[in-house]
Amino acid sequence: MRFERQITRGLKPGIVLLILLLVSPAEAQEAESDDQSLAQAASDPTASLMNVQLSDWYTANYWNLPDKSANQFVIRTAYPFAWGKTKHIMRLTVPFVTHHPALSSGLSDITLFDLMVFDKSWGRWGVGPVALLPTGGSNRGAEKWGLGPAVGFVMAKPKLIFGIFNQNIFTVAGDDDRPDVNVSIIQPIVNRQLGGGWAVGSSEMSVTYNWDTSAWSSLPLGASILKMTKPGGIPVQWSFQYEYNFADDQVVAKNLFRFTAKLLFPTK
């Protein structure tokens, strides 16, 4: 049985909730005084903001596979830099399977993109390459090298950002005996600041179209709640996300939860 290679998700939710409860009121008040743009930039994939994101993704159940769940721990880093007069954002996503009904535990396939970012009066937009690296081997990965374009834009209003981010990955090399990876991923971006360090918005919602099957392999609808704090003087955005996947004709995640701590390193 072929499982969707966007691997599995998971966490122990109590860990994040416990940390949130331990954050002192004084630290919360300090986070509330942070610049509004920092809180918005933390939810914007085109923002020139260095950060390290630690996430646990938990798949509570699957379509067409009863009584099974899965876990994945994901490390994601974003590094802004300039090449000449052009701003860039490089983002690396490193997933680790911790539990899966068919796969062994360990490193899965890594994705990497480099966006050239252009600031505008209404917000910003970016374009650049995205790559799939076959680091998961034969059990946890596609065993394919992938490459394609990424493009996105974000419009910014007071306390509100919204936009779209699109990644396209097409097989360029790899094991001929394995299925190709030819997908387009669309991610809507919505984030509304509520004050006091709190915000709500869309989840990652990676809507995925498979060009080989001419079908949507993922049709998630989800939301997130976020809280900005400053423990130890380092801005941290905590988030909880829930998604429901409406694509039900394959063995794919049905109910998905994400718990994330994003450490922010703004430059003055």
C-alpha atoms as a PDB file:
ATOM      1  CA  MET A   1       0.000   0.000   0.000  1.00  0.00           C
ATOM      2  CA  ARG A   2       1.443   3.319  -1.011  1.00  0.00           C
ATOM      3  CA  PHE A   3       1.416   6.000   1.626  1.00  0.00           C
ATOM      4  CA  GLU A   4       1.521   9.699   0.864  1.00  0.00           C
ATOM      5  CA  ARG A   5       5.151  10.786   1.187  1.00  0.00           C
ATOM      6  CA  GLN A   6       4.363  14.057   2.907  1.00  0.00           C
ATOM      7  CA  ILE A   7       5.062  12.118   5.949  1.00  0.00           C
ATOM      8  CA  THR A   8       3.538  11.907   9.211  1.00  0.00           C
ATOM      9  CA  ARG A   9       3.051  14.130  12.036  1.00  0.00           C
ATOM     10  CA  GLY A  10       3.220  14.044  15.753  1.00  0.00           C
ATOM     11  CA  LEU A  11       3.821  15.390  19.201  1.00  0.00           C
ATOM     12  CA  LYS A  12       3.245  15.075  22.846  1.00  0.00           C
ATOM     13  CA  PRO A  13       0.903  18.035  23.265  1.00  0.00           C
ATOM     14  CA  GLY A  14       1.321  18.299  27.014  1.00  0.00           C
ATOM     15  CA  ILE A  15       4.957  19.418  26.652  1.00  0.00           C
ATOM     16  CA  VAL A  16       4.102  22.613  24.800  1.00  0.00           C
ATOM     17  CA  LEU A  17       1.080  23.357  26.981  1.00  0.00           C
ATOM     18  CA  LEU A  18       3.176  22.945  30.115  1.00  0.00           C
ATOM     19  CA  ILE A  19       5.798  25.393  28.817  1.00  0.00           C
ATOM     20  CA  LEU A  20       3.079  27.913  27.981  1.00  0.00           C
ATOM     21  CA  LEU A  21       1.722  27.692  31.519  1.00  0.00           C
ATOM     22  CA  LEU A  22       5.189  28.268  32.960  1.00  0.00           C
ATOM     23  CA  VAL A  23       5.741  31.537  31.099  1.00  0.00           C
ATOM     24  CA  SER A  24       5.495  34.281  33.715  1.00  0.00           C
ATOM     25  CA  PRO A  25       3.023  37.196  33.479  1.00  0.00           C
ATOM     26  CA  ALA A  26       5.970  39.601  33.466  1.00  0.00           C
ATOM     27  CA  GLU A  27       7.389  37.918  30.361  1.00  0.00           C
ATOM     28  CA  ALA A  28       3.987  38.058  28.693  1.00  0.00           C
ATOM     29  CA  GLN A  29       3.774  41.785  29.380  1.00  0.00           C
ATOM     30  CA  GLU A  30       7.224  42.269  27.876  1.00  0.00           C
ATOM     31  CA  ALA A  31       6.191  40.379  24.758  1.00  0.00           C
ATOM     32  CA  GLU A  32       3.089  42.559  24.469  1.00  0.00           C
ATOM     33  CA  SER A  33       5.295  45.638  24.092  1.00  0.00           C
ATOM     34  CA  ASP A  34       7.215  44.123  21.153  1.00  0.00           C
ATOM     35  CA  ASP A  35       7.001  45.857  17.812  1.00  0.00           C
ATOM     36  CA  GLN A  36       3.810  44.830  15.972  1.00  0.00           C
ATOM     37  CA  SER A  37       5.802  44.121  12.797  1.00  0.00           C
ATOM     38  CA  LEU A  38       7.795  41.376  14.560  1.00  0.00           C
ATOM     39  CA  ALA A  39       4.640  39.468  15.438  1.00  0.00           C
ATOM     40  CA  GLN A  40       3.436  39.746  11.848  1.00  0.00           C
ATOM     41  CA  ALA A  41       6.811  38.799  10.381  1.00  0.00           C
ATOM     42  CA  ALA A  42       6.857  35.622  12.471  1.00  0.00           C
ATOM     43  CA  SER A  43       3.882  34.345  10.426  1.00  0.00           C
ATOM     44  CA  ASP A  44       5.168  35.553   7.045  1.00  0.00           C
ATOM     45  CA  PRO A  45       7.367  33.165   4.971  1.00  0.00           C
ATOM     46  CA  THR A  46       8.629  36.132   2.880  1.00  0.00           C
ATOM     47  CA  ALA A  47       9.811  38.178   5.899  1.00  0.00           C
ATOM     48  CA  SER A  48      13.539  38.821   6.372  1.00  0.00           C
ATOM     49  CA  LEU A  49      13.525  37.359   9.860  1.00  0.00           C
ATOM     50  CA  MET A  50      15.982  34.755  11.061  1.00  0.00           C
ATOM     51  CA  ASN A  51      14.217  32.044  13.042  1.00  0.00           C
ATOM     52  CA  VAL A  52      14.426  28.440  14.197  1.00  0.00           C
ATOM     53  CA  GLN A  53      11.171  26.507  14.368  1.00  0.00           C
ATOM     54  CA  LEU A  54      10.697  23.326  16.406  1.00  0.00           C
ATOM     55  CA  SER A  55       7.451  21.493  15.662  1.00  0.00           C
ATOM     56  CA  ASP A  56       5.713  18.268  16.546  1.00  0.00           C
ATOM     57  CA  TRP A  57       3.093  17.115  14.009  1.00  0.00           C
ATOM     58  CA  TYR A  58       0.568  14.538  15.141  1.00  0.00           C
ATOM     59  CA  THR A  59      -1.696  12.630  12.765  1.00  0.00           C
ATOM     60  CA  ALA A  60      -4.582  11.404  14.910  1.00  0.00           C
ATOM     61  CA  ASN A  61      -6.024   9.159  12.187  1.00  0.00           C
ATOM     62  CA  TYR A  62      -5.986   8.360   8.480  1.00  0.00           C
ATOM     63  CA  TRP A  63      -8.407   8.067   5.652  1.00  0.00           C
ATOM     64  CA  ASN A  64      -8.741   4.440   4.501  1.00  0.00           C
ATOM     65  CA  LEU A  65      -6.525   3.114   7.320  1.00  0.00           C
ATOM     66  CA  PRO A  66      -8.485   2.587  10.548  1.00  0.00           C
ATOM     67  CA  ASP A  67      -7.015   2.850  14.036  1.00  0.00           C
ATOM     68  CA  LYS A  68      -3.604   4.187  12.987  1.00  0.00           C
ATOM     69  CA  SER A  69      -1.745   7.350  14.015  1.00  0.00           C
ATOM     70  CA  ALA A  70       1.643   8.899  13.345  1.00  0.00           C
ATOM     71  CA  ASN A  71       4.198  11.378  14.711  1.00  0.00           C
ATOM     72  CA  GLN A  72       6.751  13.639  13.080  1.00  0.00           C
ATOM     73  CA  PHE A  73       9.203  16.145  14.569  1.00  0.00           C
ATOM     74  CA  VAL A  74      10.176  18.969  12.215  1.00  0.00           C
ATOM     75  CA  ILE A  75      13.055  21.442  12.440  1.00  0.00           C
ATOM     76  CA  ARG A  76      12.729  24.453  10.139  1.00  0.00           C
ATOM     77  CA  THR A  77      15.172  27.332   9.862  1.00  0.00           C
ATOM     78  CA  ALA A  78      14.925  30.577   7.920  1.00  0.00           C
ATOM     79  CA  TYR A  79      18.031  32.643   7.181  1.00  0.00           C
ATOM     80  CA  PRO A  80      17.860  36.089   5.518  1.00  0.00           C
ATOM     81  CA  PHE A  81      20.825  37.359   3.524  1.00  0.00           C
ATOM     82  CA  ALA A  82      21.613  39.791   0.712  1.00  0.00           C
ATOM     83  CA  TRP A  83      23.317  39.083  -2.606  1.00  0.00           C
ATOM     84  CA  GLY A  84      24.236  42.436  -4.028  1.00  0.00           C
ATOM     85  CA  LYS A  85      21.174  44.623  -3.636  1.00  0.00           C
ATOM     86  CA  THR A  86      18.724  41.709  -3.635  1.00  0.00           C
ATOM     87  CA  LYS A  87      17.291  40.335  -0.408  1.00  0.00           C
ATOM     88  CA  HIS A  88      17.023  36.558  -0.021  1.00  0.00           C
ATOM     89  CA  ILE A  89      15.307  34.179   2.393  1.00  0.00           C
ATOM     90  CA  MET A  90      16.709  30.647   2.595  1.00  0.00           C
ATOM     91  CA  ARG A  91      14.520  28.118   4.402  1.00  0.00           C
ATOM     92  CA  LEU A  92      15.456  24.544   5.288  1.00  0.00           C
ATOM     93  CA  THR A  93      12.858  22.002   6.491  1.00  0.00           C
ATOM     94  CA  VAL A  94      14.194  18.853   8.153  1.00  0.00           C
ATOM     95  CA  PRO A  95      11.551  16.244   9.140  1.00  0.00           C
ATOM     96  CA  PHE A  96      12.106  13.277  11.442  1.00  0.00           C
ATOM     97  CA  VAL A  97       9.613  10.408  11.564  1.00  0.00           C
ATOM     98  CA  THR A  98       9.115   9.349  15.184  1.00  0.00           C
ATOM     99  CA  HIS A  99       6.155   6.991  14.697  1.00  0.00           C
ATOM    100  CA  HIS A 100       4.378   5.685  11.596  1.00  0.00           C
ATOM    101  CA  PRO A 101       2.222   2.648  10.808  1.00  0.00           C
ATOM    102  CA  ALA A 102       4.485   1.602   7.902  1.00  0.00           C
ATOM    103  CA  LEU A 103       7.763   3.570   8.076  1.00  0.00           C
ATOM    104  CA  SER A 104      10.748   3.248  10.379  1.00  0.00           C
ATOM    105  CA  SER A 105      11.835   6.141  12.582  1.00  0.00           C
ATOM    106  CA  GLY A 106      14.464   8.571  11.333  1.00  0.00           C
ATOM    107  CA  LEU A 107      15.261  11.403   8.948  1.00  0.00           C
ATOM    108  CA  SER A 108      12.915  11.908   6.005  1.00  0.00           C
ATOM    109  CA  ASP A 109      13.365  13.967   2.810  1.00  0.00           C
ATOM    110  CA  ILE A 110      14.580  17.551   3.299  1.00  0.00           C
ATOM    111  CA  THR A 111      13.204  20.538   1.394  1.00  0.00           C
ATOM    112  CA  LEU A 112      15.080  23.782   0.753  1.00  0.00           C
ATOM    113  CA  PHE A 113      14.083  27.024  -0.913  1.00  0.00           C
ATOM    114  CA  ASP A 114      15.781  30.344  -1.627  1.00  0.00           C
ATOM    115  CA  LEU A 115      13.441  33.277  -2.243  1.00  0.00           C
ATOM    116  CA  MET A 116      14.482  36.598  -3.726  1.00  0.00           C
ATOM    117  CA  VAL A 117      12.321  39.087  -1.829  1.00  0.00           C
ATOM    118  CA  PHE A 118      11.092  42.452  -3.078  1.00  0.00           C
ATOM    119  CA  ASP A 119       9.519  45.010  -0.735  1.00  0.00           C
ATOM    120  CA  LYS A 120       6.531  46.996  -1.957  1.00  0.00           C
ATOM    121  CA  SER A 121       4.317  49.667  -0.438  1.00  0.00           C
ATOM    122  CA  TRP A 122       1.534  47.090   0.032  1.00  0.00           C
ATOM    123  CA  GLY A 123       3.781  44.344   1.450  1.00  0.00           C
ATOM    124  CA  ARG A 124       6.301  42.126  -0.340  1.00  0.00           C
ATOM    125  CA  TRP A 125       6.622  39.344  -2.858  1.00  0.00           C
ATOM    126  CA  GLY A 126       9.251  36.714  -3.517  1.00  0.00           C
ATOM    127  CA  VAL A 127      10.356  34.206  -6.123  1.00  0.00           C
ATOM    128  CA  GLY A 128      13.075  31.558  -6.298  1.00  0.00           C
ATOM    129  CA  PRO A 129      13.895  27.837  -6.531  1.00  0.00           C
ATOM    130  CA  VAL A 130      12.710  25.059  -4.225  1.00  0.00           C
ATOM    131  CA  ALA A 131      14.450  21.672  -4.003  1.00  0.00           C
ATOM    132  CA  LEU A 132      13.635  18.225  -2.633  1.00  0.00           C
ATOM    133  CA  LEU A 133      16.651  16.312  -1.275  1.00  0.00           C
ATOM    134  CA  PRO A 134      16.368  12.480  -1.004  1.00  0.00           C
ATOM    135  CA  THR A 135      17.709  12.197   2.546  1.00  0.00           C
ATOM    136  CA  GLY A 136      15.023   9.767   3.725  1.00  0.00           C
ATOM    137  CA  GLY A 137      16.396   6.735   1.892  1.00  0.00           C
ATOM    138  CA  SER A 138      14.242   3.940   0.534  1.00  0.00           C
ATOM    139  CA  ASN A 139      11.961   3.643   3.564  1.00  0.00           C
ATOM    140  CA  ARG A 140      11.147   7.224   4.585  1.00  0.00           C
ATOM    141  CA  GLY A 141      11.722   9.126   1.347  1.00  0.00           C
ATOM    142  CA  ALA A 142      10.871   9.289  -2.331  1.00  0.00           C
ATOM    143  CA  GLU A 143      14.463   8.555  -3.482  1.00  0.00           C
ATOM    144  CA  LYS A 144      14.043  11.394  -5.961  1.00  0.00           C
ATOM    145  CA  TRP A 145      15.759  14.722  -6.468  1.00  0.00           C
ATOM    146  CA  GLY A 146      13.185  17.451  -7.075  1.00  0.00           C
ATOM    147  CA  LEU A 147      13.430  21.038  -8.269  1.00  0.00           C
ATOM    148  CA  GLY A 148      11.015  23.767  -9.254  1.00  0.00           C
ATOM    149  CA  PRO A 149       9.875  27.362  -8.753  1.00  0.00           C
ATOM    150  CA  ALA A 150       8.473  28.937  -5.612  1.00  0.00           C
ATOM    151  CA  VAL A 151       6.580  32.221  -5.576  1.00  0.00           C
ATOM    152  CA  GLY A 152       4.510  34.099  -3.041  1.00  0.00           C
ATOM    153  CA  PHE A 153       3.224  37.439  -1.867  1.00  0.00           C
ATOM    154  CA  VAL A 154       2.016  38.884   1.415  1.00  0.00           C
ATOM    155  CA  MET A 155      -0.052  42.042   1.835  1.00  0.00           C
ATOM    156  CA  ALA A 156       0.280  43.840   5.163  1.00  0.00           C
ATOM    157  CA  LYS A 157      -2.304  45.940   6.970  1.00  0.00           C
ATOM    158  CA  PRO A 158      -2.316  47.116  10.590  1.00  0.00           C
ATOM    159  CA  LYS A 159      -2.632  43.929  12.670  1.00  0.00           C
ATOM    160  CA  LEU A 160      -3.408  41.844   9.558  1.00  0.00           C
ATOM    161  CA  ILE A 161      -1.449  40.007   6.862  1.00  0.00           C
ATOM    162  CA  PHE A 162      -2.770  37.840   4.050  1.00  0.00           C
ATOM    163  CA  GLY A 163      -1.291  36.249   0.952  1.00  0.00           C
ATOM    164  CA  ILE A 164      -0.415  33.070  -0.931  1.00  0.00           C
ATOM    165  CA  PHE A 165       2.749  30.956  -1.088  1.00  0.00           C
ATOM    166  CA  ASN A 166       3.222  28.411  -3.881  1.00  0.00           C
ATOM    167  CA  GLN A 167       5.895  25.697  -4.255  1.00  0.00           C
ATOM    168  CA  ASN A 168       6.279  23.404  -7.265  1.00  0.00           C
ATOM    169  CA  ILE A 169       8.508  20.321  -7.121  1.00  0.00           C
ATOM    170  CA  PHE A 170       9.253  18.155 -10.164  1.00  0.00           C
ATOM    171  CA  THR A 171      11.521  15.109 -10.334  1.00  0.00           C
ATOM    172  CA  VAL A 172      14.880  15.776 -12.029  1.00  0.00           C
ATOM    173  CA  ALA A 173      16.802  12.615 -10.988  1.00  0.00           C
ATOM    174  CA  GLY A 174      16.632   9.586  -8.727  1.00  0.00           C
ATOM    175  CA  ASP A 175      15.744   5.918  -8.566  1.00  0.00           C
ATOM    176  CA  ASP A 176      13.924   4.962 -11.774  1.00  0.00           C
ATOM    177  CA  ASP A 177      12.023   2.237  -9.941  1.00  0.00           C
ATOM    178  CA  ARG A 178      10.337   4.733  -7.621  1.00  0.00           C
ATOM    179  CA  PRO A 179       7.357   6.957  -8.558  1.00  0.00           C
ATOM    180  CA  ASP A 180       8.209  10.499  -9.597  1.00  0.00           C
ATOM    181  CA  VAL A 181       7.392  13.463  -7.388  1.00  0.00           C
ATOM    182  CA  ASN A 182       5.565  16.097  -9.427  1.00  0.00           C
ATOM    183  CA  VAL A 183       3.461  18.265  -7.156  1.00  0.00           C
ATOM    184  CA  SER A 184       2.269  21.835  -6.690  1.00  0.00           C
ATOM    185  CA  ILE A 185       1.627  23.097  -3.166  1.00  0.00           C
ATOM    186  CA  ILE A 186      -0.479  26.170  -2.403  1.00  0.00           C
ATOM    187  CA  GLN A 187      -0.402  27.666   1.076  1.00  0.00           C
ATOM    188  CA  PRO A 188      -2.834  30.460   2.024  1.00  0.00           C
ATOM    189  CA  ILE A 189      -1.479  32.942   4.582  1.00  0.00           C
ATOM    190  CA  VAL A 190      -3.822  34.760   6.980  1.00  0.00           C
ATOM    191  CA  ASN A 191      -2.830  36.188  10.360  1.00  0.00           C
ATOM    192  CA  ARG A 192      -4.756  38.570  12.588  1.00  0.00           C
ATOM    193  CA  GLN A 193      -3.137  40.161  15.657  1.00  0.00           C
ATOM    194  CA  LEU A 194      -5.474  40.367  18.649  1.00  0.00           C
ATOM    195  CA  GLY A 195      -3.288  42.227  21.128  1.00  0.00           C
ATOM    196  CA  GLY A 196      -1.529  41.015  24.237  1.00  0.00           C
ATOM    197  CA  GLY A 197       0.767  38.870  22.098  1.00  0.00           C
ATOM    198  CA  TRP A 198      -2.150  36.745  20.831  1.00  0.00           C
ATOM    199  CA  ALA A 199      -3.048  36.105  17.203  1.00  0.00           C
ATOM    200  CA  VAL A 200      -5.227  33.810  15.115  1.00  0.00           C
ATOM    201  CA  GLY A 201      -4.864  32.728  11.520  1.00  0.00           C
ATOM    202  CA  SER A 202      -4.756  29.931   8.997  1.00  0.00           C
ATOM    203  CA  SER A 203      -2.793  26.764   9.628  1.00  0.00           C
ATOM    204  CA  GLU A 204      -0.036  25.738   7.212  1.00  0.00           C
ATOM    205  CA  MET A 205      -2.753  24.224   4.989  1.00  0.00           C
ATOM    206  CA  SER A 206      -0.500  22.791   2.255  1.00  0.00           C
ATOM    207  CA  VAL A 207      -3.079  22.233  -0.485  1.00  0.00           C
ATOM    208  CA  THR A 208      -1.317  19.744  -2.797  1.00  0.00           C
ATOM    209  CA  TYR A 209      -1.987  18.798  -6.414  1.00  0.00           C
ATOM    210  CA  ASN A 210      -0.346  15.667  -7.837  1.00  0.00           C
ATOM    211  CA  TRP A 211       0.388  16.110 -11.553  1.00  0.00           C
ATOM    212  CA  ASP A 212       0.976  12.375 -12.065  1.00  0.00           C
ATOM    213  CA  THR A 213      -2.474  11.368 -10.829  1.00  0.00           C
ATOM    214  CA  SER A 214      -4.215  14.579 -11.937  1.00  0.00           C
ATOM    215  CA  ALA A 215      -5.816  14.806  -8.517  1.00  0.00           C
ATOM    216  CA  TRP A 216      -5.611  16.752  -5.262  1.00  0.00           C
ATOM    217  CA  SER A 217      -3.668  14.634  -2.783  1.00  0.00           C
ATOM    218  CA  SER A 218      -4.263  17.035   0.111  1.00  0.00           C
ATOM    219  CA  LEU A 219      -7.195  19.421   0.658  1.00  0.00           C
ATOM    220  CA  PRO A 220      -6.784  20.638   4.242  1.00  0.00           C
ATOM    221  CA  LEU A 221      -8.830  23.270   6.041  1.00  0.00           C
ATOM    222  CA  GLY A 222      -7.374  24.508   9.286  1.00  0.00           C
ATOM    223  CA  ALA A 223      -6.769  27.296  11.769  1.00  0.00           C
ATOM    224  CA  SER A 224      -4.134  28.311  14.292  1.00  0.00           C
ATOM    225  CA  ILE A 225      -3.885  30.199  17.553  1.00  0.00           C
ATOM    226  CA  LEU A 226      -0.587  31.889  18.385  1.00  0.00           C
ATOM    227  CA  LYS A 227       1.028  33.567  21.375  1.00  0.00           C
ATOM    228  CA  MET A 228       4.199  35.693  21.426  1.00  0.00           C
ATOM    229  CA  THR A 229       6.314  35.604  24.582  1.00  0.00           C
ATOM    230  CA  LYS A 230       9.881  36.570  25.459  1.00  0.00           C
ATOM    231  CA  PRO A 231      11.406  33.992  27.827  1.00  0.00           C
ATOM    232  CA  GLY A 232      15.039  34.764  28.587  1.00  0.00           C
ATOM    233  CA  GLY A 233      14.874  37.839  26.354  1.00  0.00           C
ATOM    234  CA  ILE A 234      14.389  35.782  23.145  1.00  0.00           C
ATOM    235  CA  PRO A 235      11.098  36.348  21.269  1.00  0.00           C
ATOM    236  CA  VAL A 236       9.256  33.057  20.833  1.00  0.00           C
ATOM    237  CA  GLN A 237       6.054  32.494  18.909  1.00  0.00           C
ATOM    238  CA  TRP A 238       4.078  29.523  20.231  1.00  0.00           C
ATOM    239  CA  SER A 239       1.352  28.071  18.047  1.00  0.00           C
ATOM    240  CA  PHE A 240      -1.253  25.333  17.995  1.00  0.00           C
ATOM    241  CA  GLN A 241      -2.773  24.266  14.671  1.00  0.00           C
ATOM    242  CA  TYR A 242      -5.560  21.919  13.667  1.00  0.00           C
ATOM    243  CA  GLU A 243      -6.348  20.703  10.141  1.00  0.00           C
ATOM    244  CA  TYR A 244      -8.977  18.474   8.590  1.00  0.00           C
ATOM    245  CA  ASN A 245      -8.099  16.921   5.225  1.00  0.00           C
ATOM    246  CA  PHE A 246     -11.008  16.617   2.771  1.00  0.00           C
ATOM    247  CA  ALA A 247      -9.007  14.508   0.261  1.00  0.00           C
ATOM    248  CA  ASP A 248     -10.276  11.078   1.235  1.00  0.00           C
ATOM    249  CA  ASP A 249      -9.570   8.740  -1.701  1.00  0.00           C
ATOM    250  CA  GLN A 250      -6.046   7.702  -0.596  1.00  0.00           C
ATOM    251  CA  VAL A 251      -4.295   6.634   2.593  1.00  0.00           C
ATOM    252  CA  VAL A 252      -3.608  10.154   3.880  1.00  0.00           C
ATOM    253  CA  ALA A 253      -3.833  12.072   7.133  1.00  0.00           C
ATOM    254  CA  LYS A 254      -7.378  12.935   8.200  1.00  0.00           C
ATOM    255  CA  ASN A 255      -7.063  14.942  11.435  1.00  0.00           C
ATOM    256  CA  LEU A 256      -3.756  16.705  11.987  1.00  0.00           C
ATOM    257  CA  PHE A 257      -2.406  18.695  14.951  1.00  0.00           C
ATOM    258  CA  ARG A 258       0.756  20.839  15.059  1.00  0.00           C
ATOM    259  CA  PHE A 259       2.489  22.261  18.121  1.00  0.00           C
ATOM    260  CA  THR A 260       5.277  24.732  17.412  1.00  0.00           C
ATOM    261  CA  ALA A 261       7.842  26.919  19.142  1.00  0.00           C
ATOM    262  CA  LYS A 262       9.421  29.445  16.759  1.00  0.00           C
ATOM    263  CA  LEU A 263      12.511  31.216  18.125  1.00  0.00           C
ATOM    264  CA  LEU A 264      12.990  34.641  16.518  1.00  0.00           C
ATOM    265  CA  PHE A 265      16.296  36.454  16.031  1.00  0.00           C
ATOM    266  CA  PRO A 266      15.472  39.938  14.679  1.00  0.00           C
ATOM    267  CA  THR A 267      18.294  42.226  13.591  1.00  0.00           C
ATOM    268  CA  LYS A 268      18.315  45.868  14.667  1.00  0.00           C
END
